[in-house]
């Protein structure tokens, strides 16, 4: 858990932020060899997480971390937000408490006073609204989804989210235009969060596909592990350093090749 240090005037540079941002917004150098993406079996449907897969959701998190480090908190991006997500935001994503309550509890546990926590969460409310209003799809996302949809690959969304599935579908329509989604499933509607097995089963039922013909595209190590435990193929994109998956995408566009040329047959087979 993060510890607090007094007398620290400037935030420490969190080196773990930079690799994620580079992967999210840039292409590999032309001289770098590209590893071919091969699915472990034919794929007829893709179940995608949203945050940091379809768009970069780290803006407000990086802003919060910089602010807290100016207040004297010494930590790193990965461990800090892993605790936040697992121990505090999980209840928010199940619809059991508001984000503001979870944030206050987390900040106080990290060493801030109740007054400091209140000030931080008021400032963060504005920052989150700004981030939500300025989301842009990651490179290649809009075009890739359109091509996958046109070739008959079923597309679904499964997300740990504080909003309902209907609200999430509307947000995705604003972000990406015409909706290609067979199903949009939010943890809030289920009252459960990934990696709970019920989440993956609900999404597969909504897509009317078996796990053996479906791949989960995500970034979170626990969620990818949960998908694998339910028999889905796993595809990691912008993933945690300790994530384990069948395929690691360098570019979102590689999903086209992945579904078209699975070993032994195509996605249409």
Protein backbone atom coordinates (compact mmCIF):
# COMPACT_ATOMS: atom_id res chain seq x y z
CA UNK A 1 0.00 0.00 0.00
CA UNK A 2 1.18 3.51 -0.67
CA UNK A 3 2.84 5.46 2.14
CA UNK A 4 2.77 9.15 2.77
CA UNK A 5 5.92 11.30 2.95
CA UNK A 6 6.00 14.87 4.22
CA UNK A 7 8.15 17.62 2.76
CA UNK A 8 7.98 16.39 -0.81
CA UNK A 9 7.52 19.45 -3.00
CA UNK A 10 7.38 17.90 -6.45
CA UNK A 11 5.76 14.67 -7.62
CA UNK A 12 8.04 11.78 -8.44
CA UNK A 13 8.02 10.67 -12.06
CA UNK A 14 6.10 7.43 -12.33
CA UNK A 15 7.94 5.58 -15.05
CA UNK A 16 5.18 2.98 -15.29
CA UNK A 17 2.91 5.57 -16.93
CA UNK A 18 5.01 6.08 -20.02
CA UNK A 19 4.99 2.60 -21.60
CA UNK A 20 1.20 2.41 -21.33
CA UNK A 21 0.66 5.77 -23.00
CA UNK A 22 3.05 4.93 -25.80
CA UNK A 23 1.35 1.62 -26.50
CA UNK A 24 -2.05 3.26 -26.44
CA UNK A 25 -1.40 6.08 -28.88
CA UNK A 26 1.47 5.17 -31.19
CA UNK A 27 2.54 2.56 -33.70
CA UNK A 28 5.68 0.47 -33.27
CA UNK A 29 8.73 1.75 -35.15
CA UNK A 30 8.85 0.59 -38.74
CA UNK A 31 12.12 -1.29 -38.10
CA UNK A 32 10.64 -3.39 -35.28
CA UNK A 33 9.72 -6.94 -36.34
CA UNK A 34 6.02 -7.65 -35.90
CA UNK A 35 5.06 -10.93 -34.34
CA UNK A 36 2.17 -12.63 -36.17
CA UNK A 37 -1.06 -12.92 -34.20
CA UNK A 38 -2.51 -16.42 -34.19
CA UNK A 39 -5.61 -17.41 -32.28
CA UNK A 40 -5.56 -20.77 -30.51
CA UNK A 41 -8.78 -21.76 -32.30
CA UNK A 42 -11.34 -20.31 -34.77
CA UNK A 43 -13.07 -17.21 -33.39
CA UNK A 44 -16.63 -16.21 -34.32
CA UNK A 45 -17.16 -13.56 -31.65
CA UNK A 46 -15.16 -11.00 -29.71
CA UNK A 47 -16.10 -9.85 -26.23
CA UNK A 48 -14.30 -6.58 -25.52
CA UNK A 49 -13.60 -4.59 -22.41
CA UNK A 50 -14.01 -0.83 -22.94
CA UNK A 51 -11.58 1.17 -20.83
CA UNK A 52 -8.03 1.15 -22.23
CA UNK A 53 -9.14 -1.18 -25.01
CA UNK A 54 -11.47 1.05 -27.02
CA UNK A 55 -10.29 4.35 -25.53
CA UNK A 56 -7.69 5.62 -23.06
CA UNK A 57 -9.26 5.87 -19.60
CA UNK A 58 -6.05 6.71 -17.74
CA UNK A 59 -6.28 10.52 -17.99
CA UNK A 60 -8.15 11.15 -14.73
CA UNK A 61 -6.10 8.48 -12.97
CA UNK A 62 -2.80 10.07 -13.98
CA UNK A 63 -4.16 13.47 -12.92
CA UNK A 64 -5.16 12.08 -9.50
CA UNK A 65 -1.81 10.41 -9.00
CA UNK A 66 0.10 13.60 -9.80
CA UNK A 67 -2.05 15.57 -7.35
CA UNK A 68 -1.59 13.06 -4.54
CA UNK A 69 2.16 12.94 -5.09
CA UNK A 70 2.27 16.71 -4.69
CA UNK A 71 0.51 16.17 -1.36
CA UNK A 72 3.31 13.84 -0.31
CA UNK A 73 2.08 10.41 -1.34
CA UNK A 74 4.80 8.10 -2.62
CA UNK A 75 3.55 5.32 -4.83
CA UNK A 76 3.45 3.96 -8.38
CA UNK A 77 0.60 3.88 -10.85
CA UNK A 78 0.10 0.13 -11.10
CA UNK A 79 0.03 -0.92 -7.42
CA UNK A 80 -1.89 2.21 -6.39
CA UNK A 81 -4.80 1.74 -8.77
CA UNK A 82 -4.84 -2.03 -8.47
CA UNK A 83 -5.75 -1.62 -4.79
CA UNK A 84 -8.27 1.12 -5.65
CA UNK A 85 -9.97 -0.99 -8.30
CA UNK A 86 -10.02 -4.24 -6.32
CA UNK A 87 -10.84 -3.05 -2.81
CA UNK A 88 -12.89 0.11 -3.42
CA UNK A 89 -14.21 0.49 -6.97
CA UNK A 90 -15.49 -3.07 -7.07
CA UNK A 91 -18.50 -2.06 -4.96
CA UNK A 92 -19.10 0.94 -7.23
CA UNK A 93 -19.11 -1.30 -10.29
CA UNK A 94 -21.65 -3.61 -8.61
CA UNK A 95 -23.92 -0.62 -7.97
CA UNK A 96 -23.55 -0.83 -4.20
CA UNK A 97 -22.05 2.59 -3.46
CA UNK A 98 -21.30 5.88 -5.27
CA UNK A 99 -17.85 6.62 -6.67
CA UNK A 100 -17.39 9.57 -4.29
CA UNK A 101 -17.79 7.37 -1.19
CA UNK A 102 -15.32 4.81 -2.50
CA UNK A 103 -12.81 7.52 -3.38
CA UNK A 104 -13.05 9.18 0.04
CA UNK A 105 -12.53 5.88 1.83
CA UNK A 106 -9.54 5.05 -0.36
CA UNK A 107 -7.87 8.43 0.09
CA UNK A 108 -8.29 8.33 3.88
CA UNK A 109 -6.82 4.81 3.94
CA UNK A 110 -3.84 6.17 1.95
CA UNK A 111 -3.13 8.75 4.66
CA UNK A 112 -5.11 11.86 3.72
CA UNK A 113 -7.28 13.66 6.22
CA UNK A 114 -11.05 13.74 5.72
CA UNK A 115 -10.79 17.41 4.68
CA UNK A 116 -8.06 16.68 2.13
CA UNK A 117 -10.03 13.74 0.73
CA UNK A 118 -13.08 15.98 0.30
CA UNK A 119 -11.07 18.60 -1.59
CA UNK A 120 -9.44 16.00 -3.82
CA UNK A 121 -12.68 14.33 -4.77
CA UNK A 122 -14.35 17.66 -5.61
CA UNK A 123 -11.44 18.51 -7.92
CA UNK A 124 -11.50 15.02 -9.41
CA UNK A 125 -15.22 15.28 -10.21
CA UNK A 126 -14.45 18.11 -12.63
CA UNK A 127 -11.48 16.26 -14.10
CA UNK A 128 -13.51 13.11 -14.70
CA UNK A 129 -16.30 15.06 -16.42
CA UNK A 130 -13.72 16.70 -18.65
CA UNK A 131 -12.10 13.34 -19.45
CA UNK A 132 -15.46 11.74 -20.25
CA UNK A 133 -16.32 14.60 -22.60
CA UNK A 134 -13.03 14.36 -24.49
CA UNK A 135 -12.64 10.59 -24.93
CA UNK A 136 -11.40 9.57 -28.36
CA UNK A 137 -11.12 6.04 -29.76
CA UNK A 138 -7.64 4.58 -29.70
CA UNK A 139 -5.85 4.31 -33.02
CA UNK A 140 -7.54 1.88 -35.41
CA UNK A 141 -10.50 1.05 -33.16
CA UNK A 142 -13.35 2.56 -35.20
CA UNK A 143 -12.14 1.18 -38.54
CA UNK A 144 -11.31 -2.25 -37.13
CA UNK A 145 -14.69 -2.70 -35.45
CA UNK A 146 -16.48 -1.68 -38.65
CA UNK A 147 -14.52 -4.20 -40.71
CA UNK A 148 -15.01 -6.99 -38.18
CA UNK A 149 -18.75 -6.30 -38.07
CA UNK A 150 -18.95 -6.27 -41.88
CA UNK A 151 -17.27 -9.69 -42.11
CA UNK A 152 -19.76 -11.26 -39.71
CA UNK A 153 -17.74 -11.40 -36.49
CA UNK A 154 -20.09 -10.93 -33.55
CA UNK A 155 -19.01 -8.10 -31.26
CA UNK A 156 -19.97 -7.64 -27.63
CA UNK A 157 -18.92 -5.51 -24.68
CA UNK A 158 -18.36 -6.75 -21.14
CA UNK A 159 -17.20 -4.06 -18.74
CA UNK A 160 -16.77 -3.41 -15.03
CA UNK A 161 -18.54 -0.06 -15.05
CA UNK A 162 -20.44 2.30 -12.75
CA UNK A 163 -23.02 2.93 -15.50
CA UNK A 164 -25.79 0.68 -16.78
CA UNK A 165 -25.45 -1.27 -19.99
CA UNK A 166 -27.91 1.05 -21.73
CA UNK A 167 -25.94 4.14 -20.72
CA UNK A 168 -22.74 2.45 -21.80
CA UNK A 169 -24.25 1.60 -25.19
CA UNK A 170 -25.22 5.27 -25.67
CA UNK A 171 -21.71 6.40 -24.73
CA UNK A 172 -20.18 3.97 -27.20
CA UNK A 173 -22.51 5.21 -29.95
CA UNK A 174 -21.32 8.77 -29.29
CA UNK A 175 -17.69 7.60 -29.32
CA UNK A 176 -17.79 5.25 -32.31
CA UNK A 177 -20.89 6.10 -34.30
CA UNK A 178 -23.12 3.31 -35.59
CA UNK A 179 -23.30 0.57 -32.98
CA UNK A 180 -21.94 -2.83 -34.07
CA UNK A 181 -22.70 -4.48 -30.72
CA UNK A 182 -24.66 -7.71 -30.39
CA UNK A 183 -24.63 -7.20 -26.61
CA UNK A 184 -23.42 -4.58 -24.12
CA UNK A 185 -23.14 -5.97 -20.60
CA UNK A 186 -22.28 -3.84 -17.56
CA UNK A 187 -21.30 -5.16 -14.15
CA UNK A 188 -23.77 -2.71 -12.63
CA UNK A 189 -26.69 -4.52 -14.23
CA UNK A 190 -25.40 -7.90 -13.10
CA UNK A 191 -24.51 -6.88 -9.56
CA UNK A 192 -21.25 -8.76 -10.12
CA UNK A 193 -17.84 -7.82 -11.45
CA UNK A 194 -15.24 -9.65 -13.49
CA UNK A 195 -13.57 -12.02 -12.86
CA UNK A 196 -16.80 -13.53 -11.47
CA UNK A 197 -17.79 -16.40 -13.77
CA UNK A 198 -21.39 -15.16 -13.96
CA UNK A 199 -20.26 -12.08 -15.90
CA UNK A 200 -18.73 -14.06 -18.74
CA UNK A 201 -21.66 -16.49 -18.84
CA UNK A 202 -24.17 -13.63 -19.06
CA UNK A 203 -22.24 -12.03 -21.92
CA UNK A 204 -21.96 -15.32 -23.83
CA UNK A 205 -25.68 -15.97 -23.39
CA UNK A 206 -26.47 -12.48 -24.73
CA UNK A 207 -24.20 -13.04 -27.74
CA UNK A 208 -25.57 -16.57 -28.29
CA UNK A 209 -22.10 -17.99 -28.71
CA UNK A 210 -20.22 -20.77 -26.93
CA UNK A 211 -17.07 -19.91 -25.03
CA UNK A 212 -15.04 -22.07 -27.40
CA UNK A 213 -15.89 -19.77 -30.33
CA UNK A 214 -15.36 -16.49 -28.46
CA UNK A 215 -12.35 -14.46 -27.40
CA UNK A 216 -12.18 -11.89 -24.62
CA UNK A 217 -10.13 -8.75 -25.40
CA UNK A 218 -8.97 -7.02 -22.23
CA UNK A 219 -6.15 -5.33 -20.36
CA UNK A 220 -6.69 -6.38 -16.75
CA UNK A 221 -4.77 -9.48 -15.60
CA UNK A 222 -7.55 -10.74 -13.29
CA UNK A 223 -10.26 -10.26 -15.92
CA UNK A 224 -8.22 -12.08 -18.57
CA UNK A 225 -7.61 -14.93 -16.13
CA UNK A 226 -11.33 -15.08 -15.37
CA UNK A 227 -12.16 -15.30 -19.07
CA UNK A 228 -9.67 -18.12 -19.60
CA UNK A 229 -11.17 -20.01 -16.65
CA UNK A 230 -14.54 -19.94 -18.45
CA UNK A 231 -13.06 -21.38 -21.64
CA UNK A 232 -12.75 -18.19 -23.70
CA UNK A 233 -9.66 -17.48 -25.76
CA UNK A 234 -7.88 -14.43 -24.33
CA UNK A 235 -6.39 -11.45 -26.15
CA UNK A 236 -4.38 -8.89 -24.19
CA UNK A 237 -4.20 -5.27 -25.36
CA UNK A 238 -2.56 -2.42 -23.38
CA UNK A 239 -2.41 -5.02 -20.65
CA UNK A 240 -1.03 -5.20 -17.13
CA UNK A 241 2.57 -6.34 -17.00
CA UNK A 242 1.61 -9.60 -15.28
CA UNK A 243 -1.29 -10.38 -17.64
CA UNK A 244 -1.37 -13.83 -19.20
CA UNK A 245 -3.22 -14.37 -22.48
CA UNK A 246 -3.27 -16.53 -25.59
CA UNK A 247 -2.45 -13.52 -27.79
CA UNK A 248 -0.81 -10.16 -27.08
CA UNK A 249 -1.88 -7.47 -29.54
CA UNK A 250 0.55 -4.77 -30.61
CA UNK A 251 -2.09 -3.02 -32.73
CA UNK A 252 -5.86 -3.10 -32.43
CA UNK A 253 -6.04 -3.69 -36.20
CA UNK A 254 -4.43 -7.12 -35.68
CA UNK A 255 -7.85 -8.36 -34.58
CA UNK A 256 -8.83 -8.48 -38.25
CA UNK A 257 -6.03 -10.90 -39.11
CA UNK A 258 -6.63 -12.81 -35.90
CA UNK A 259 -10.27 -13.60 -36.66
CA UNK A 260 -9.69 -14.15 -40.38
CA UNK A 261 -6.80 -16.55 -40.10
CA UNK A 262 -7.31 -18.72 -37.04
CA UNK A 263 -5.37 -22.02 -37.23
CA UNK A 264 -7.00 -24.46 -39.58
CA UNK A 265 -9.86 -22.29 -40.82
CA UNK A 266 -11.25 -18.78 -41.00
CA UNK A 267 -13.71 -17.03 -38.72
CA UNK A 268 -16.44 -17.72 -41.22
CA UNK A 269 -15.89 -21.46 -41.08
